[in-house]
Amino acid sequence: QVQLVESGGGLVQAGDSLRLTCATSGLTFRQYVMAWFRQTPGEEREIVAAITRRGDGTYYADFVKGRFNVSRDNAANTVYLQMNSLEPEDTAVYYCAADARLIRAQYERQTSYHYWGRGTQVTVSS
């Protein structure tokens, strides 16, 4: 059974940092493109960042503006999202996603991903 479990969310102030972790099990992690999405109430889930299977390529949404960094540890079956200079607009539930068959053109579409975690809440106060 495939599981993706996010952790590391919380309540922080604007300008602070958080590191999200997505621990996976039940899949051959190194074969999967991994991504982070986020969602606020009433809105569509949107891509934050994605990382290639070997970790040698990344994709970021424009709003990241160099503040976030996605990385992975294939030995630990884990993907990370380091978030710096957080803004109140970053408040959302953050989800981890995985898929084995993606090409870069498909990274930003939530429908491209087969497996999802349950999310972790990030709240940034002003």
Protein backbone atom coordinates (compact mmCIF):
# COMPACT_ATOMS: atom_id res chain seq x y z
CA GLN A 1 0.00 0.00 0.00
CA VAL A 2 1.42 3.33 -1.06
CA GLN A 3 1.55 6.02 1.60
CA LEU A 4 2.69 9.62 1.46
CA VAL A 5 2.76 11.36 4.83
CA GLU A 6 3.46 15.06 5.13
CA SER A 7 4.76 16.74 8.26
CA GLY A 8 6.39 19.97 9.36
CA GLY A 9 3.52 22.40 8.94
CA GLY A 10 2.51 24.85 11.62
CA LEU A 11 1.78 28.41 12.60
CA VAL A 12 4.59 30.90 11.94
CA GLN A 13 5.03 34.63 11.47
CA ALA A 14 5.72 36.40 8.21
CA GLY A 15 9.41 36.15 7.34
CA ASP A 16 9.90 32.84 9.16
CA SER A 17 10.90 29.51 7.64
CA LEU A 18 9.45 26.02 7.65
CA ARG A 19 10.67 22.72 6.32
CA LEU A 20 8.04 20.29 5.12
CA THR A 21 8.78 16.59 4.88
CA CYS A 22 6.98 13.91 2.89
CA ALA A 23 7.83 10.38 3.93
CA THR A 24 6.81 7.69 1.49
CA SER A 25 6.38 3.94 1.63
CA GLY A 26 5.07 1.22 -0.62
CA LEU A 27 6.58 2.56 -3.83
CA THR A 28 9.95 2.47 -5.54
CA PHE A 29 10.68 6.06 -4.62
CA ARG A 30 13.52 6.68 -7.06
CA GLN A 31 11.17 5.94 -9.96
CA TYR A 32 8.75 8.73 -9.05
CA VAL A 33 8.59 12.38 -9.85
CA MET A 34 7.65 14.11 -6.61
CA ALA A 35 5.81 17.39 -6.17
CA TRP A 36 4.36 19.75 -3.63
CA PHE A 37 0.98 21.37 -4.16
CA ARG A 38 -1.03 23.69 -1.97
CA GLN A 39 -4.67 24.54 -1.59
CA THR A 40 -6.73 27.18 0.16
CA PRO A 41 -10.48 26.90 0.82
CA GLY A 42 -12.55 27.38 -2.31
CA GLU A 43 -9.52 27.36 -4.59
CA GLU A 44 -7.99 24.81 -6.94
CA ARG A 45 -4.93 22.92 -5.79
CA GLU A 46 -1.86 24.59 -7.30
CA ILE A 47 1.68 23.42 -7.94
CA VAL A 48 4.40 24.73 -5.66
CA ALA A 49 7.41 22.71 -6.75
CA ALA A 50 8.41 19.43 -8.36
CA ILE A 51 11.60 17.41 -8.53
CA THR A 52 12.83 14.82 -10.98
CA ARG A 53 13.44 11.19 -10.11
CA ARG A 54 17.15 11.60 -9.52
CA GLY A 55 16.82 15.06 -8.02
CA ASP A 56 18.80 16.67 -10.82
CA GLY A 57 15.98 18.89 -12.01
CA THR A 58 13.39 21.06 -10.30
CA TYR A 59 10.34 23.09 -11.19
CA TYR A 60 8.89 25.99 -9.21
CA ALA A 61 5.74 28.04 -9.45
CA ASP A 62 6.33 31.69 -10.23
CA PHE A 63 5.07 32.80 -6.82
CA VAL A 64 7.93 30.94 -5.10
CA LYS A 65 10.28 33.73 -6.27
CA GLY A 66 13.39 31.93 -5.07
CA ARG A 67 12.06 31.54 -1.51
CA PHE A 68 11.45 27.77 -1.57
CA ASN A 69 13.69 24.82 -2.29
CA VAL A 70 12.58 21.27 -3.09
CA SER A 71 14.93 18.35 -2.50
CA ARG A 72 14.80 14.61 -2.09
CA ASP A 73 16.68 11.78 -0.43
CA ASN A 74 16.19 8.62 -2.47
CA ALA A 75 17.89 6.51 0.20
CA ALA A 76 15.33 7.70 2.75
CA ASN A 77 12.32 7.71 0.40
CA THR A 78 11.64 11.29 1.41
CA VAL A 79 11.06 14.62 -0.29
CA TYR A 80 11.43 18.01 1.37
CA LEU A 81 10.22 21.55 0.85
CA GLN A 82 12.27 24.26 2.51
CA MET A 83 10.19 27.43 2.70
CA ASN A 84 11.88 30.71 3.58
CA SER A 85 10.60 34.29 3.85
CA LEU A 86 7.09 33.05 4.32
CA GLU A 87 4.23 35.42 3.57
CA PRO A 88 0.60 35.35 4.76
CA GLU A 89 -0.34 34.47 1.17
CA ASP A 90 1.50 31.17 1.64
CA THR A 91 -1.13 30.04 4.13
CA ALA A 92 -2.60 26.80 2.77
CA VAL A 93 -2.71 23.06 3.15
CA TYR A 94 0.39 21.65 1.51
CA TYR A 95 0.21 18.27 -0.21
CA CYS A 96 2.85 15.85 -1.41
CA ALA A 97 2.21 14.04 -4.71
CA ALA A 98 3.93 11.31 -6.71
CA ASP A 99 3.78 9.84 -10.17
CA ALA A 100 6.04 7.51 -12.09
CA ARG A 101 5.30 8.56 -15.65
CA LEU A 102 5.48 12.35 -15.87
CA ILE A 103 7.38 14.51 -18.28
CA ARG A 104 8.19 18.09 -17.42
CA ALA A 105 5.23 19.51 -19.35
CA GLN A 106 2.91 17.66 -16.99
CA TYR A 107 4.42 18.71 -13.67
CA GLU A 108 2.09 21.57 -12.84
CA ARG A 109 -1.20 19.73 -13.36
CA GLN A 110 -2.65 18.09 -10.28
CA THR A 111 -4.45 15.54 -12.44
CA SER A 112 -1.04 14.21 -13.55
CA TYR A 113 -0.29 12.71 -10.14
CA HIS A 114 -1.46 9.29 -9.05
CA TYR A 115 -0.59 9.30 -5.36
CA TRP A 116 -1.29 11.99 -2.77
CA GLY A 117 -0.72 12.60 0.88
CA ARG A 118 -3.34 14.02 3.22
CA GLY A 119 -1.66 17.37 3.62
CA THR A 120 -0.17 19.53 6.32
CA GLN A 121 -1.47 22.95 7.31
CA VAL A 122 0.82 25.95 7.01
CA THR A 123 -0.44 29.19 8.52
CA VAL A 124 1.55 32.41 8.24
CA SER A 125 0.46 35.33 10.37
CA SER A 126 1.24 38.94 9.48
